[in-house]
Protein backbone atom coordinates (compact mmCIF):
# COMPACT_ATOMS: atom_id res chain seq x y z
CA MET A 1 -45.78 -25.06 81.84
CA SER A 2 -44.51 -26.28 78.47
CA GLN A 3 -46.16 -24.99 75.28
CA GLU A 4 -45.21 -27.67 72.75
CA ARG A 5 -47.26 -27.41 69.57
CA ILE A 6 -49.21 -30.52 68.65
CA LEU A 7 -51.03 -31.00 65.34
CA VAL A 8 -54.26 -32.93 65.97
CA VAL A 9 -55.67 -34.64 62.86
CA ASP A 10 -59.15 -36.19 62.92
CA ASP A 11 -62.13 -36.00 60.57
CA GLU A 12 -64.63 -35.91 63.49
CA PRO A 13 -65.01 -32.38 64.99
CA ALA A 14 -66.13 -33.71 68.39
CA VAL A 15 -63.06 -35.94 68.73
CA ARG A 16 -60.75 -33.10 67.70
CA SER A 17 -62.31 -30.80 70.29
CA ILE A 18 -62.02 -33.36 73.10
CA ILE A 19 -58.36 -34.10 72.32
CA ALA A 20 -57.61 -30.37 72.04
CA ALA A 21 -59.22 -29.68 75.42
CA MET A 22 -57.23 -32.46 77.09
CA LEU A 23 -53.98 -31.20 75.58
CA GLN A 24 -54.66 -27.61 76.63
CA ARG A 25 -55.34 -28.69 80.21
CA SER A 26 -52.01 -30.53 80.13
CA GLY A 27 -50.18 -27.39 79.04
CA TYR A 28 -49.80 -28.07 75.32
CA SER A 29 -50.74 -25.89 72.37
CA PRO A 30 -52.97 -27.90 69.97
CA VAL A 31 -53.51 -26.99 66.30
CA LEU A 32 -56.45 -28.74 64.62
CA ALA A 33 -56.77 -30.26 61.12
CA ASN A 34 -59.95 -31.91 59.81
CA GLY A 35 -58.04 -34.50 57.74
CA ALA A 36 -54.73 -35.55 56.26
CA GLU A 37 -54.96 -33.06 53.38
CA GLU A 38 -55.29 -30.09 55.74
CA ALA A 39 -52.56 -31.53 57.98
CA LEU A 40 -50.13 -31.68 55.05
CA ILE A 41 -50.93 -28.09 54.13
CA ARG A 42 -50.28 -26.93 57.70
CA LEU A 43 -47.01 -28.87 57.83
CA ARG A 44 -45.94 -27.40 54.51
CA GLU A 45 -46.68 -23.87 55.73
CA ASP A 46 -45.10 -24.37 59.15
CA PRO A 47 -43.30 -27.66 59.85
CA ALA A 48 -42.26 -26.68 63.40
CA TYR A 49 -44.59 -29.03 65.26
CA ASP A 50 -43.37 -31.02 68.23
CA LEU A 51 -45.83 -33.85 67.56
CA VAL A 52 -48.54 -35.01 65.15
CA LEU A 53 -51.46 -36.86 66.73
CA SER A 54 -53.57 -38.45 63.97
CA ASP A 55 -56.55 -40.76 63.60
CA ILE A 56 -56.02 -43.74 61.26
CA MET A 57 -59.49 -44.19 59.76
CA MET A 58 -60.19 -41.01 57.76
CA PRO A 59 -61.71 -40.41 54.31
CA GLY A 60 -59.31 -39.65 51.48
CA ILE A 61 -55.78 -39.95 52.80
CA ASP A 62 -55.82 -42.20 55.88
CA GLY A 63 -53.57 -41.96 58.91
CA ILE A 64 -51.09 -44.59 57.69
CA SER A 65 -50.58 -42.74 54.39
CA LEU A 66 -50.21 -39.47 56.30
CA LEU A 67 -47.59 -41.15 58.47
CA ASP A 68 -45.67 -42.18 55.34
CA ARG A 69 -45.74 -38.60 54.00
CA ILE A 70 -44.59 -37.12 57.30
CA SER A 71 -41.80 -39.72 57.61
CA ALA A 72 -40.58 -38.79 54.13
CA ASP A 73 -41.01 -35.00 54.24
CA HIS A 74 -40.57 -34.25 57.96
CA PRO A 75 -38.46 -37.13 59.33
CA GLY A 76 -37.77 -35.39 62.64
CA THR A 77 -41.45 -35.01 63.59
CA PRO A 78 -42.83 -37.76 65.87
CA VAL A 79 -46.27 -39.20 65.03
CA ILE A 80 -48.82 -40.93 67.29
CA LEU A 81 -51.64 -42.82 65.60
CA ILE A 82 -55.11 -43.11 67.19
CA THR A 83 -57.68 -45.76 66.29
CA ALA A 84 -60.73 -47.56 67.59
CA VAL A 85 -59.64 -50.79 65.83
CA HIS A 86 -58.20 -53.24 68.35
CA ASP A 87 -55.99 -55.14 65.91
CA ILE A 88 -52.37 -56.04 66.67
CA HIS A 89 -51.58 -56.11 62.93
CA VAL A 90 -52.68 -52.48 62.55
CA ALA A 91 -50.48 -51.47 65.50
CA THR A 92 -47.51 -53.46 64.14
CA ASN A 93 -47.89 -51.85 60.73
CA ALA A 94 -48.01 -48.38 62.31
CA PHE A 95 -44.78 -48.94 64.24
CA ARG A 96 -43.09 -50.45 61.21
CA ARG A 97 -43.96 -47.36 59.17
CA GLY A 98 -42.42 -45.02 61.76
CA ALA A 99 -45.06 -44.19 64.39
CA VAL A 100 -43.54 -43.54 67.81
CA ASP A 101 -46.68 -44.67 69.68
CA TYR A 102 -50.21 -45.97 69.26
CA LEU A 103 -53.35 -44.93 71.20
CA LEU A 104 -56.63 -46.88 71.33
CA LYS A 105 -60.02 -45.17 71.61
CA PRO A 106 -61.54 -44.52 74.02
CA PHE A 107 -58.72 -43.25 76.23
CA GLU A 108 -58.41 -41.28 79.44
CA ARG A 109 -56.65 -37.96 79.81
CA ALA A 110 -53.88 -39.64 81.82
CA GLN A 111 -53.25 -42.09 78.97
CA LEU A 112 -53.09 -39.25 76.48
CA GLU A 113 -50.73 -37.26 78.69
CA SER A 114 -48.43 -40.23 79.15
CA VAL A 115 -48.26 -41.11 75.44
CA VAL A 116 -47.82 -37.47 74.35
CA PHE A 117 -45.09 -36.80 76.92
CA ARG A 118 -43.22 -39.93 75.81
CA ALA A 119 -43.50 -39.02 72.12
CA ILE A 120 -42.37 -35.41 72.59
CA GLU A 121 -39.43 -36.58 74.69
CA HIS A 122 -38.57 -39.08 71.96
CA GLY A 123 -38.63 -36.30 69.36
CA ARG A 124 -36.53 -34.02 71.51
CA LEU A 125 -33.90 -36.70 72.06
CA ARG A 126 -33.85 -37.53 68.35
CA GLN A 127 -33.32 -33.87 67.50
CA GLN A 128 -30.47 -33.68 70.00
CA HIS A 129 -28.97 -36.82 68.53
CA ASN A 130 -29.23 -35.46 64.98
CA ALA A 131 -27.71 -32.14 66.03
CA TYR A 132 -24.88 -33.93 67.82
CA ARG A 133 -24.27 -36.17 64.81
CA GLN A 134 -24.26 -33.19 62.44
CA ASN A 135 -21.86 -31.29 64.68
CA LEU A 136 -19.66 -34.38 64.89
CA GLU A 137 -19.71 -34.84 61.11
CA ASP A 138 -18.86 -31.16 60.63
CA ALA A 139 -16.03 -31.43 63.14
CA VAL A 140 -14.70 -34.60 61.50
CA SER A 141 -14.95 -33.00 58.07
CA ALA A 142 -13.09 -29.92 59.26
CA ARG A 143 -10.42 -32.00 60.98
CA THR A 144 -10.09 -34.21 57.90
CA ALA A 145 -9.56 -31.16 55.72
CA GLN A 146 -6.96 -29.84 58.16
CA LEU A 147 -5.25 -33.22 58.27
CA ARG A 148 -5.17 -33.44 54.48
CA ALA A 149 -3.68 -29.98 54.26
CA ALA A 150 -1.09 -30.86 56.89
CA MET A 151 -0.25 -34.12 55.11
CA HIS A 152 0.09 -32.26 51.83
CA GLU A 153 2.47 -29.75 53.39
CA LEU A 154 4.40 -32.56 55.06
CA GLU A 155 4.67 -34.40 51.76
CA ARG A 156 5.91 -31.23 50.08
CA SER A 157 8.56 -30.83 52.77
CA TYR A 158 9.56 -34.47 52.30
CA ASP A 159 10.05 -33.98 48.58
CA ILE A 160 12.06 -30.80 49.13
CA THR A 161 14.34 -32.95 51.32
CA LEU A 162 14.53 -35.56 48.55
CA GLU A 163 15.48 -32.90 46.06
CA ALA A 164 18.28 -31.71 48.33
CA MET A 165 19.55 -35.29 48.62
CA GLY A 166 19.49 -35.68 44.84
CA ASP A 167 21.28 -32.37 44.34
CA ALA A 168 23.94 -33.47 46.81
CA LEU A 169 24.58 -36.53 44.65
CA ASP A 170 24.71 -34.43 41.46
CA LEU A 171 27.36 -32.24 43.07
CA ARG A 172 29.48 -35.32 43.72
CA ASP A 173 29.01 -36.80 40.25
CA GLU A 174 29.01 -34.00 37.66
CA GLU A 175 29.20 -36.56 34.86
CA THR A 176 25.61 -37.61 35.47
CA GLU A 177 24.21 -34.21 36.49
CA GLY A 178 20.44 -34.08 35.92
CA HIS A 179 20.26 -37.86 35.54
CA SER A 180 18.07 -38.36 38.63
CA ARG A 181 15.51 -35.84 37.40
CA ARG A 182 15.37 -37.21 33.87
CA VAL A 183 15.16 -40.84 34.91
CA THR A 184 12.40 -39.98 37.38
CA ALA A 185 10.41 -38.31 34.61
CA TYR A 186 10.87 -41.31 32.31
CA THR A 187 9.92 -43.71 35.10
CA ILE A 188 6.73 -41.81 35.95
CA ALA A 189 5.73 -41.62 32.27
CA LEU A 190 6.27 -45.33 31.73
CA ALA A 191 4.56 -46.28 35.00
CA ARG A 192 1.52 -44.26 33.97
CA ALA A 193 1.46 -45.92 30.57
CA LEU A 194 1.41 -49.24 32.45
CA GLY A 195 -1.61 -48.13 34.49
CA VAL A 196 0.15 -47.89 37.86
CA ASN A 197 -2.15 -46.28 40.46
CA SER A 198 -1.33 -42.88 41.92
CA ASP A 199 -0.30 -44.12 45.40
CA HIS A 200 2.18 -46.61 43.95
CA LEU A 201 3.32 -43.97 41.49
CA SER A 202 4.55 -41.76 44.34
CA ILE A 203 6.56 -44.66 45.79
CA ILE A 204 8.10 -45.47 42.41
CA ALA A 205 8.91 -41.83 41.66
CA ARG A 206 10.75 -41.34 44.94
CA GLY A 207 12.65 -44.60 44.52
CA ALA A 208 13.67 -43.58 41.00
CA PHE A 209 14.86 -40.17 42.12
CA LEU A 210 16.95 -41.62 44.95
CA HIS A 211 18.20 -44.74 43.13
CA ASP A 212 21.87 -43.71 43.23
CA ILE A 213 21.84 -42.05 46.65
CA GLY A 214 24.13 -44.79 48.00
CA LYS A 215 26.93 -43.42 45.80
CA ILE A 216 27.36 -40.66 48.39
CA ALA A 217 29.25 -43.32 50.36
CA THR A 218 31.40 -44.36 47.34
CA PRO A 219 35.01 -43.08 47.50
CA ASP A 220 35.82 -40.25 45.05
CA ALA A 221 38.73 -42.21 43.63
CA ILE A 222 36.31 -44.84 42.38
CA LEU A 223 33.34 -42.62 41.57
CA HIS A 224 35.44 -40.23 39.46
CA LYS A 225 37.90 -42.73 37.96
CA PRO A 226 38.09 -41.99 34.21
CA GLY A 227 39.00 -45.51 33.10
CA ARG A 228 37.60 -48.97 33.70
CA LEU A 229 37.23 -50.13 37.31
CA THR A 230 39.15 -53.08 38.67
CA ALA A 231 37.23 -56.06 40.04
CA ALA A 232 37.83 -54.81 43.59
CA GLU A 233 36.71 -51.30 42.68
CA MET A 234 33.64 -52.66 40.94
CA ALA A 235 32.73 -54.60 44.08
CA ILE A 236 32.91 -51.37 46.09
CA MET A 237 30.88 -49.50 43.46
CA ARG A 238 28.18 -52.16 43.57
CA GLU A 239 27.77 -51.59 47.29
CA HIS A 240 25.91 -48.37 46.48
CA CYS A 241 22.64 -50.33 46.13
CA ARG A 242 22.88 -51.73 49.64
CA SER A 243 24.23 -48.46 51.08
CA GLY A 244 21.38 -46.50 49.52
CA TYR A 245 18.83 -48.99 50.83
CA GLU A 246 20.23 -48.76 54.37
CA MET A 247 20.09 -44.96 54.23
CA VAL A 248 16.60 -44.64 52.73
CA SER A 249 14.87 -47.48 54.59
CA LYS A 250 15.49 -45.70 57.91
CA ILE A 251 13.15 -42.90 56.79
CA PRO A 252 9.55 -44.08 57.43
CA PHE A 253 7.88 -42.41 54.44
CA LEU A 254 10.57 -43.80 52.10
CA ARG A 255 10.52 -47.38 53.36
CA ASP A 256 8.65 -48.73 50.32
CA SER A 257 10.73 -46.63 47.92
CA ALA A 258 13.87 -48.10 49.50
CA GLU A 259 13.09 -51.44 47.83
CA ILE A 260 13.53 -49.77 44.44
CA VAL A 261 16.84 -48.26 45.55
CA TYR A 262 17.96 -51.73 46.66
CA SER A 263 16.85 -53.50 43.47
CA HIS A 264 17.55 -51.00 40.70
CA GLN A 265 20.57 -52.99 39.40
CA GLU A 266 18.78 -56.34 39.27
CA ARG A 267 18.16 -57.92 35.85
CA PHE A 268 15.09 -59.78 34.67
CA ASP A 269 17.10 -62.97 34.00
CA GLY A 270 18.62 -63.00 37.52
CA THR A 271 22.17 -61.94 36.54
CA GLY A 272 21.98 -58.53 38.23
CA TYR A 273 23.08 -57.44 41.69
CA PRO A 274 23.15 -57.24 44.69
CA ARG A 275 20.74 -60.17 45.31
CA GLY A 276 20.40 -61.83 41.94
CA LEU A 277 16.62 -61.41 41.87
CA ARG A 278 14.78 -62.54 38.74
CA GLY A 279 11.43 -61.86 37.08
CA SER A 280 8.65 -60.81 39.41
CA GLU A 281 10.95 -61.13 42.43
CA ILE A 282 12.19 -57.69 41.39
CA PRO A 283 9.82 -54.95 42.63
CA LEU A 284 7.60 -53.52 39.90
CA GLY A 285 9.04 -50.04 40.38
CA ALA A 286 12.59 -51.34 39.91
CA ARG A 287 11.60 -53.18 36.73
CA ILE A 288 10.05 -50.02 35.31
CA PHE A 289 13.02 -47.93 36.43
CA ALA A 290 15.55 -50.19 34.68
CA ILE A 291 14.24 -49.23 31.25
CA ALA A 292 14.05 -45.53 32.13
CA ASP A 293 17.58 -45.65 33.56
CA THR A 294 19.03 -47.30 30.47
CA LEU A 295 17.18 -44.88 28.21
CA ASP A 296 18.79 -41.90 29.92
CA ALA A 297 22.24 -43.48 30.13
CA MET A 298 22.30 -44.25 26.40
CA THR A 299 20.96 -40.88 25.25
CA SER A 300 23.18 -38.72 27.49
CA ASP A 301 26.62 -37.44 26.50
CA ARG A 302 29.64 -38.60 28.48
CA PRO A 303 33.26 -37.33 28.29
CA TYR A 304 34.24 -40.60 26.64
CA ARG A 305 31.31 -40.93 24.19
CA LYS A 306 28.43 -39.14 22.53
CA GLY A 307 24.86 -40.02 23.51
CA THR A 308 22.86 -42.08 21.02
CA THR A 309 19.41 -41.30 19.64
CA PHE A 310 16.18 -42.27 21.40
CA ALA A 311 15.30 -44.52 18.46
CA ALA A 312 18.60 -46.35 18.79
CA ALA A 313 18.14 -46.66 22.54
CA GLN A 314 14.69 -48.18 22.02
CA GLN A 315 16.18 -50.75 19.64
CA GLU A 316 18.83 -51.72 22.18
CA ILE A 317 16.26 -52.00 24.99
CA ALA A 318 14.10 -54.18 22.71
CA ARG A 319 17.15 -56.40 22.05
CA CYS A 320 17.64 -56.89 25.80
CA SER A 321 13.98 -57.75 26.45
CA GLY A 322 13.73 -60.92 28.54
CA THR A 323 17.34 -60.72 29.72
CA GLN A 324 17.94 -57.31 31.27
CA PHE A 325 14.37 -56.06 31.03
CA ASP A 326 10.84 -57.33 31.69
CA PRO A 327 9.30 -58.11 28.26
CA ALA A 328 5.83 -56.89 29.31
CA ILE A 329 7.17 -53.45 30.19
CA VAL A 330 9.38 -53.32 27.11
CA GLU A 331 6.28 -53.97 24.99
CA VAL A 332 4.53 -50.90 26.44
CA PHE A 333 7.72 -48.83 26.29
CA LEU A 334 8.10 -49.52 22.57
CA ARG A 335 4.60 -48.18 21.87
CA VAL A 336 5.81 -44.69 22.82
CA PRO A 337 7.34 -42.84 19.84
CA PRO A 338 11.04 -41.91 20.30
CA GLU A 339 10.19 -38.23 19.76
CA SER A 340 7.89 -38.32 22.81
CA TRP A 341 10.80 -39.37 25.03
CA ALA A 342 12.97 -36.68 23.43
CA GLU A 343 10.28 -34.09 24.08
CA LEU A 344 9.99 -35.17 27.70
CA ARG A 345 13.74 -34.90 28.16
CA GLY A 346 13.70 -31.38 26.74
CA GLU A 347 10.98 -30.34 29.16
CA VAL A 348 12.85 -31.80 32.15
CA ASP A 349 16.18 -30.26 31.21
CA LYS A 350 14.52 -26.89 30.70
CA ALA A 351 12.67 -27.12 34.03
CA SER A 352 15.76 -28.31 35.88
CA VAL A 353 17.40 -24.98 35.08
CA SER A 354 14.46 -22.66 35.70
CA ALA A 355 12.44 -24.50 38.34
CA LEU A 356 14.73 -26.68 40.40
CA PRO A 357 12.78 -26.17 43.65
CA THR A 358 9.48 -27.37 42.15
CA LEU A 359 10.37 -30.03 39.58
CA ILE A 360 10.08 -33.04 41.89
CA ARG A 361 7.43 -31.62 44.21
CA PRO A 362 3.83 -32.93 43.87
CA THR A 363 1.52 -30.48 42.13
CA VAL A 364 -1.54 -32.55 43.09
CA ALA A 365 -1.38 -34.86 46.13
CA HIS A 366 -0.96 -38.50 45.01
CA ALA A 367 -1.93 -37.66 41.45
CA LYS A 368 1.09 -35.90 39.96
CA PRO A 369 4.06 -36.93 42.11
CA PHE A 370 7.05 -34.58 41.77
CA GLY A 371 5.12 -32.55 39.18
CA LEU A 372 7.00 -34.46 36.46
CA ALA A 373 3.90 -36.23 35.22
CA SER A 374 2.63 -32.90 33.96
CA LEU A 375 5.56 -32.98 31.53
CA THR A 376 4.40 -36.25 29.99
CA PRO A 377 3.31 -35.85 26.34
CA GLU A 378 -0.15 -36.92 25.30
CA ALA A 379 1.35 -39.91 23.51
CA LEU A 380 2.25 -41.42 26.89
CA LYS A 381 -1.36 -41.63 28.05
CA GLY A 382 -2.37 -45.05 26.72
CA ALA A 383 -1.44 -48.70 27.27
CA ALA A 384 -2.20 -51.70 29.42
CA HIS A 385 -1.17 -53.00 32.83
CA ALA A 386 2.08 -54.98 33.15
CA THR A 387 5.04 -55.72 35.43
CA ALA A 388 8.74 -54.88 34.97
CA ASP A 389 12.30 -53.40 35.76
CA PRO A 390 16.20 -53.96 35.82
CA ALA A 391 19.20 -51.50 35.17
CA ARG A 392 22.35 -50.02 33.76
CA ASP A 393 25.25 -48.52 35.65
CA ARG A 394 28.89 -48.56 36.11
C-alpha cells in the first residue's frame, strides 16, 4: 500500500482527526496542522509532501492565502481545498489560484479517496514532466555547447584554408606581398568605425582577404609585366573579379563574401568594373574595402615608385569622394588620424612575420574575425553608421 505523505490543514481538531483517519485507512500517511501558520512552518522544515489538503475558512491566514504561498514557494506541491460553502465563485477562484481540486463538506470516504488519488497522480505527473523538461533543457544546453564548439573549430579550419589561399596569391605576386593582410585589417577597422555588426564583419573580412584571389587564374606574363598593360591585357586582368567570384561562390560559407570579391573594383559613380554598379548597388563590404584597398596601395612601396604618406593618401581619398568612393564612408574614414592607420599597418606587418598562422583566424567567434580587430587602435572605436566601397588596382 502506498505511503504518500499528506499535510492536512484545518483549525477544527475533530475535522482534522476524521480526515486523518480516512486517509490512514486508505493507505496514506497524514501529517496534521491546526492552521495555515503551522502548515507553512511544516512545509519550510520539510517540503517533501505529496499533497496539501486544506480548509478554506480558517482564522488568520485562510486557505486561499495559504494556496497562494504554496504556489509561490512550493510550486510542485498539489493543493486540494475543502469548504462547507457551496459557492461556484469560491470554487472558480480556488482553481484560478492553482488548486488541483475542490472538496465540499460533508464528504464520504470514497469521495476523499477519489479526489486525493487524482491530486497525487496529478502531482506525480507534473514532477515527471518537470524532470523530463529539465533533462531535455540540460541535453539541449549540452548539445548547443558542443555545436558551438564544433562550429568554432570549423570556422577556424575555414580561416586557415583562407590564409593558405591568400598565401598562394602572395607567392604569385611578390610585388603586393602582405597586401591582403593589411587591406583586411584596414577594412575591419573601418567597418567597425561604421558600426557594422559582428556577423557582417566576418563576411566583409573574408571578402577583403580574398579580393584578389581571381588573379591566380591571370597569366604570369600579364600579372608580372613591368610596364603598362595593353587594352587586351587589361581586359584579361579585369577578369580576375569574375574569376575570383566563380571560385569563392562555390564554397558555401564564402557565398556572401564572394559578392565583395566580385564587386571590389566597382566605383561609386558607376565607372568601375566588371558590372558598372553605382552607389548602394555596390555591396557595403565592397564600398568599405575600396577605401582600405586604395589606402594600402598608395602607402606601399613598389619597384617603380615609393609609397606616399598616410596623410597624403587620406587627402587623395577625400578628393575622390563621390566618384570612386562612397562619401558617407569617406567622412568616417577621415575622422581617423593618419598615425592610427600607420600604427595599424605596423602591427599587421609585424604579426605577418611572427604569427602568420593566427593573424586572420578569429580570436573570438563572430566578434574579432581574423584576430585583426584586436590590432585596431583605440582611435578607431568611434563613429556612426554609413554605407560605402569601390577600388584601386591594375
